Amino acid sequence: MAKLILTHEVTGLGEAGDVVEVKDGYARNYLVPRGLATAWTKGAQKQIDQIRKARKAREISTVEDARAARDSLQSKPVVVAVRAGSGGRLFGSVTTGEIADAVKAAGGPAIDKRKIEVTNPIKSLGEHRVQVRLHADVQANLTVQVVEA
C-alpha cells in the first residue's frame, strides 16, 4: 500500500490535502502520473496545510450558502454556445470550464470547474445533466443546454 497526499479532489477517494493509502498500482499508474497526488513524507505537512488553506478559500463556507446556490442553479438551465457540425455533433466536447463560465455569465454563483462532474462527455447539441458538488453535504443537478453558436 502506498501513502499519498491528494493534490486534487478524486471522487470516491478524498479531497485535496487528504492523506490516503491506496494500492501501489493505482498510485503508480493513475494518481501520480496525472498529478492528482504526491508521495507522502514526514516533511510534507507544510504542503498539506497550504493545500487545505487554498481549498478553504475556494469552497462555499456554510451549508446554508451551498443550499441557496443549489436552488439558484437548479431553477434555470445554463446555456452554452459552441460550434457544431452537421447533425448536431460538436467539434470536440463541452468542458467543465465552459460550463463554469456559462454559470457565472448567467448570473449564477462562481463555481470551481473541478467541482463539476460530467458523467458522459457532452458531444452533441441539446439538454444534458451534470452534477455540481457545492459542499460535502450538498450537490446540485444542473441542466446544460448546448446550442449552436
C-alpha atoms as a PDB file:
ATOM      1  CA  MET A   1       0.000   0.000   0.000  1.00  0.00           C
ATOM      2  CA  ALA A   2       1.221   3.483  -0.908  1.00  0.00           C
ATOM      3  CA  LYS A   3       0.632   6.516   1.297  1.00  0.00           C
ATOM      4  CA  LEU A   4      -0.119   9.656  -0.747  1.00  0.00           C
ATOM      5  CA  ILE A   5      -1.179  13.281  -0.346  1.00  0.00           C
ATOM      6  CA  LEU A   6      -4.017  14.211  -2.711  1.00  0.00           C
ATOM      7  CA  THR A   7      -3.326  17.448  -4.601  1.00  0.00           C
ATOM      8  CA  HIS A   8      -6.733  17.472  -6.329  1.00  0.00           C
ATOM      9  CA  GLU A   9     -10.128  16.078  -5.410  1.00  0.00           C
ATOM     10  CA  VAL A  10     -10.607  12.463  -6.506  1.00  0.00           C
ATOM     11  CA  THR A  11     -14.176  11.177  -6.492  1.00  0.00           C
ATOM     12  CA  GLY A  12     -14.597   8.304  -4.080  1.00  0.00           C
ATOM     13  CA  LEU A  13     -11.157   8.791  -2.542  1.00  0.00           C
ATOM     14  CA  GLY A  14     -10.872  12.224  -0.949  1.00  0.00           C
ATOM     15  CA  GLU A  15     -10.274  15.924  -1.331  1.00  0.00           C
ATOM     16  CA  ALA A  16      -7.118  17.941  -1.853  1.00  0.00           C
ATOM     17  CA  GLY A  17      -4.893  17.821   1.214  1.00  0.00           C
ATOM     18  CA  ASP A  18      -6.123  14.439   2.429  1.00  0.00           C
ATOM     19  CA  VAL A  19      -3.597  11.720   3.234  1.00  0.00           C
ATOM     20  CA  VAL A  20      -4.779   8.396   1.794  1.00  0.00           C
ATOM     21  CA  GLU A  21      -3.486   4.853   1.443  1.00  0.00           C
ATOM     22  CA  VAL A  22      -4.081   3.208  -1.919  1.00  0.00           C
ATOM     23  CA  LYS A  23      -2.730   0.177  -3.720  1.00  0.00           C
ATOM     24  CA  ASP A  24       0.678   0.617  -5.330  1.00  0.00           C
ATOM     25  CA  GLY A  25      -0.562   0.156  -8.903  1.00  0.00           C
ATOM     26  CA  TYR A  26      -3.317   2.748  -8.532  1.00  0.00           C
ATOM     27  CA  ALA A  27      -0.802   5.238  -7.161  1.00  0.00           C
ATOM     28  CA  ARG A  28       1.947   4.480  -9.683  1.00  0.00           C
ATOM     29  CA  ASN A  29      -0.236   4.197 -12.812  1.00  0.00           C
ATOM     30  CA  TYR A  30      -3.054   6.686 -12.216  1.00  0.00           C
ATOM     31  CA  LEU A  31      -2.792   9.175  -9.359  1.00  0.00           C
ATOM     32  CA  VAL A  32       0.862  10.272  -9.520  1.00  0.00           C
ATOM     33  CA  PRO A  33       1.271  10.495 -13.348  1.00  0.00           C
ATOM     34  CA  ARG A  34      -1.881  12.639 -13.653  1.00  0.00           C
ATOM     35  CA  GLY A  35      -0.718  14.980 -10.878  1.00  0.00           C
ATOM     36  CA  LEU A  36      -3.632  14.086  -8.605  1.00  0.00           C
ATOM     37  CA  ALA A  37      -1.346  13.039  -5.732  1.00  0.00           C
ATOM     38  CA  THR A  38       2.215  13.182  -4.467  1.00  0.00           C
ATOM     39  CA  ALA A  39       4.148  10.814  -2.257  1.00  0.00           C
ATOM     40  CA  TRP A  40       3.724  11.299   1.490  1.00  0.00           C
ATOM     41  CA  THR A  41       6.763  12.240   3.562  1.00  0.00           C
ATOM     42  CA  LYS A  42       7.199  13.480   7.109  1.00  0.00           C
ATOM     43  CA  GLY A  43       8.148  16.931   5.854  1.00  0.00           C
ATOM     44  CA  ALA A  44       5.044  17.230   3.701  1.00  0.00           C
ATOM     45  CA  GLN A  45       2.833  18.631   6.482  1.00  0.00           C
ATOM     46  CA  LYS A  46       3.561  22.198   5.304  1.00  0.00           C
ATOM     47  CA  GLN A  47       2.373  21.262   1.808  1.00  0.00           C
ATOM     48  CA  ILE A  48      -0.784  19.706   3.262  1.00  0.00           C
ATOM     49  CA  ASP A  49      -1.528  22.895   5.207  1.00  0.00           C
ATOM     50  CA  GLN A  50      -1.121  25.053   2.071  1.00  0.00           C
ATOM     51  CA  ILE A  51      -3.441  22.804   0.050  1.00  0.00           C
ATOM     52  CA  ARG A  52      -6.112  22.886   2.771  1.00  0.00           C
ATOM     53  CA  LYS A  53      -5.850  26.687   3.070  1.00  0.00           C
ATOM     54  CA  ALA A  54      -6.325  27.100  -0.694  1.00  0.00           C
ATOM     55  CA  ARG A  55      -9.277  24.666  -0.628  1.00  0.00           C
ATOM     56  CA  LYS A  56     -10.949  26.626   2.195  1.00  0.00           C
ATOM     57  CA  ALA A  57     -10.647  29.845   0.191  1.00  0.00           C
ATOM     58  CA  ARG A  58     -12.312  28.256  -2.879  1.00  0.00           C
ATOM     59  CA  GLU A  59     -15.191  26.365  -1.321  1.00  0.00           C
ATOM     60  CA  ILE A  60     -18.553  27.568  -0.087  1.00  0.00           C
ATOM     61  CA  SER A  61     -18.260  28.004   3.663  1.00  0.00           C
ATOM     62  CA  THR A  62     -21.670  27.065   5.074  1.00  0.00           C
ATOM     63  CA  VAL A  63     -24.319  24.521   4.234  1.00  0.00           C
ATOM     64  CA  GLU A  64     -26.961  27.269   4.038  1.00  0.00           C
ATOM     65  CA  ASP A  65     -24.956  29.143   1.381  1.00  0.00           C
ATOM     66  CA  ALA A  66     -24.489  25.890  -0.548  1.00  0.00           C
ATOM     67  CA  ARG A  67     -28.234  25.164  -0.426  1.00  0.00           C
ATOM     68  CA  ALA A  68     -29.017  28.680  -1.676  1.00  0.00           C
ATOM     69  CA  ALA A  69     -26.525  28.212  -4.534  1.00  0.00           C
ATOM     70  CA  ARG A  70     -28.076  24.806  -5.315  1.00  0.00           C
ATOM     71  CA  ASP A  71     -31.561  26.313  -5.535  1.00  0.00           C
ATOM     72  CA  SER A  72     -30.393  29.067  -7.883  1.00  0.00           C
ATOM     73  CA  LEU A  73     -28.517  26.568 -10.094  1.00  0.00           C
ATOM     74  CA  GLN A  74     -31.431  24.142 -10.364  1.00  0.00           C
ATOM     75  CA  SER A  75     -34.023  26.861 -11.067  1.00  0.00           C
ATOM     76  CA  LYS A  76     -32.961  27.554 -14.662  1.00  0.00           C
ATOM     77  CA  PRO A  77     -30.853  25.804 -17.307  1.00  0.00           C
ATOM     78  CA  VAL A  78     -27.413  27.101 -18.282  1.00  0.00           C
ATOM     79  CA  VAL A  79     -26.929  27.839 -21.983  1.00  0.00           C
ATOM     80  CA  VAL A  80     -23.561  27.027 -23.568  1.00  0.00           C
ATOM     81  CA  ALA A  81     -22.992  28.130 -27.180  1.00  0.00           C
ATOM     82  CA  VAL A  82     -20.459  26.043 -29.131  1.00  0.00           C
ATOM     83  CA  ARG A  83     -19.516  25.332 -32.751  1.00  0.00           C
ATOM     84  CA  ALA A  84     -21.273  22.340 -34.226  1.00  0.00           C
ATOM     85  CA  GLY A  85     -21.189  20.464 -37.488  1.00  0.00           C
ATOM     86  CA  SER A  86     -23.927  18.787 -39.443  1.00  0.00           C
ATOM     87  CA  GLY A  87     -26.298  16.594 -37.496  1.00  0.00           C
ATOM     88  CA  GLY A  88     -25.726  18.490 -34.246  1.00  0.00           C
ATOM     89  CA  ARG A  89     -22.321  16.935 -33.494  1.00  0.00           C
ATOM     90  CA  LEU A  90     -19.850  19.207 -31.752  1.00  0.00           C
ATOM     91  CA  PHE A  91     -16.245  19.863 -32.711  1.00  0.00           C
ATOM     92  CA  GLY A  92     -14.774  18.397 -29.513  1.00  0.00           C
ATOM     93  CA  SER A  93     -16.850  18.426 -26.343  1.00  0.00           C
ATOM     94  CA  VAL A  94     -18.147  20.874 -23.758  1.00  0.00           C
ATOM     95  CA  THR A  95     -15.636  21.188 -20.906  1.00  0.00           C
ATOM     96  CA  THR A  96     -16.281  21.800 -17.232  1.00  0.00           C
ATOM     97  CA  GLY A  97     -14.532  25.160 -17.588  1.00  0.00           C
ATOM     98  CA  GLU A  98     -17.020  26.244 -20.250  1.00  0.00           C
ATOM     99  CA  ILE A  99     -19.908  25.181 -18.014  1.00  0.00           C
ATOM    100  CA  ALA A 100     -18.476  27.131 -15.046  1.00  0.00           C
ATOM    101  CA  ASP A 101     -18.019  30.223 -17.240  1.00  0.00           C
ATOM    102  CA  ALA A 102     -21.599  29.927 -18.543  1.00  0.00           C
ATOM    103  CA  VAL A 103     -22.972  29.721 -14.991  1.00  0.00           C
ATOM    104  CA  LYS A 104     -21.039  32.834 -13.990  1.00  0.00           C
ATOM    105  CA  ALA A 105     -22.120  34.699 -17.156  1.00  0.00           C
ATOM    106  CA  ALA A 106     -25.777  33.817 -16.457  1.00  0.00           C
ATOM    107  CA  GLY A 107     -25.527  35.499 -13.057  1.00  0.00           C
ATOM    108  CA  GLY A 108     -25.150  32.332 -11.016  1.00  0.00           C
ATOM    109  CA  PRO A 109     -22.646  31.670  -8.251  1.00  0.00           C
ATOM    110  CA  ALA A 110     -18.956  31.258  -9.071  1.00  0.00           C
ATOM    111  CA  ILE A 111     -18.282  27.524  -9.314  1.00  0.00           C
ATOM    112  CA  ASP A 112     -14.907  25.838  -9.359  1.00  0.00           C
ATOM    113  CA  LYS A 113     -14.629  23.781 -12.555  1.00  0.00           C
ATOM    114  CA  ARG A 114     -13.182  20.892 -10.552  1.00  0.00           C
ATOM    115  CA  LYS A 115     -16.472  20.596  -8.648  1.00  0.00           C
ATOM    116  CA  ILE A 116     -18.459  19.854 -11.826  1.00  0.00           C
ATOM    117  CA  GLU A 117     -18.915  16.173 -12.666  1.00  0.00           C
ATOM    118  CA  VAL A 118     -19.843  15.259 -16.243  1.00  0.00           C
ATOM    119  CA  THR A 119     -20.658  11.543 -16.381  1.00  0.00           C
ATOM    120  CA  ASN A 120     -20.787  11.252 -20.170  1.00  0.00           C
ATOM    121  CA  PRO A 121     -18.840  13.688 -22.388  1.00  0.00           C
ATOM    122  CA  ILE A 122     -21.133  16.312 -23.908  1.00  0.00           C
ATOM    123  CA  LYS A 123     -20.589  15.960 -27.657  1.00  0.00           C
ATOM    124  CA  SER A 124     -23.993  16.872 -29.121  1.00  0.00           C
ATOM    125  CA  LEU A 125     -26.497  19.720 -29.091  1.00  0.00           C
ATOM    126  CA  GLY A 126     -29.447  19.567 -26.701  1.00  0.00           C
ATOM    127  CA  GLU A 127     -30.048  19.257 -22.966  1.00  0.00           C
ATOM    128  CA  HIS A 128     -27.581  17.442 -20.735  1.00  0.00           C
ATOM    129  CA  ARG A 129     -27.448  16.847 -16.967  1.00  0.00           C
ATOM    130  CA  VAL A 130     -24.321  17.427 -14.889  1.00  0.00           C
ATOM    131  CA  GLN A 131     -23.719  17.285 -11.164  1.00  0.00           C
ATOM    132  CA  VAL A 132     -22.067  20.047  -9.138  1.00  0.00           C
ATOM    133  CA  ARG A 133     -20.569  19.347  -5.702  1.00  0.00           C
ATOM    134  CA  LEU A 134     -21.112  22.597  -3.826  1.00  0.00           C
ATOM    135  CA  HIS A 135     -20.352  21.326  -0.319  1.00  0.00           C
ATOM    136  CA  ALA A 136     -19.613  17.996   1.331  1.00  0.00           C
ATOM    137  CA  ASP A 137     -23.344  17.581   2.058  1.00  0.00           C
ATOM    138  CA  VAL A 138     -24.883  19.465  -0.888  1.00  0.00           C
ATOM    139  CA  GLN A 139     -24.942  18.527  -4.570  1.00  0.00           C
ATOM    140  CA  ALA A 140     -26.833  20.250  -7.374  1.00  0.00           C
ATOM    141  CA  ASN A 141     -28.178  18.749 -10.589  1.00  0.00           C
ATOM    142  CA  LEU A 142     -27.556  21.299 -13.313  1.00  0.00           C
ATOM    143  CA  THR A 143     -29.265  21.307 -16.715  1.00  0.00           C
ATOM    144  CA  VAL A 144     -26.927  22.399 -19.519  1.00  0.00           C
ATOM    145  CA  GLN A 145     -28.485  23.432 -22.829  1.00  0.00           C
ATOM    146  CA  VAL A 146     -25.937  23.190 -25.632  1.00  0.00           C
ATOM    147  CA  VAL A 147     -26.811  25.411 -28.585  1.00  0.00           C
ATOM    148  CA  GLU A 148     -25.022  26.137 -31.833  1.00  0.00           C
ATOM    149  CA  ALA A 149     -23.007  29.355 -31.843  1.00  0.00           C
END
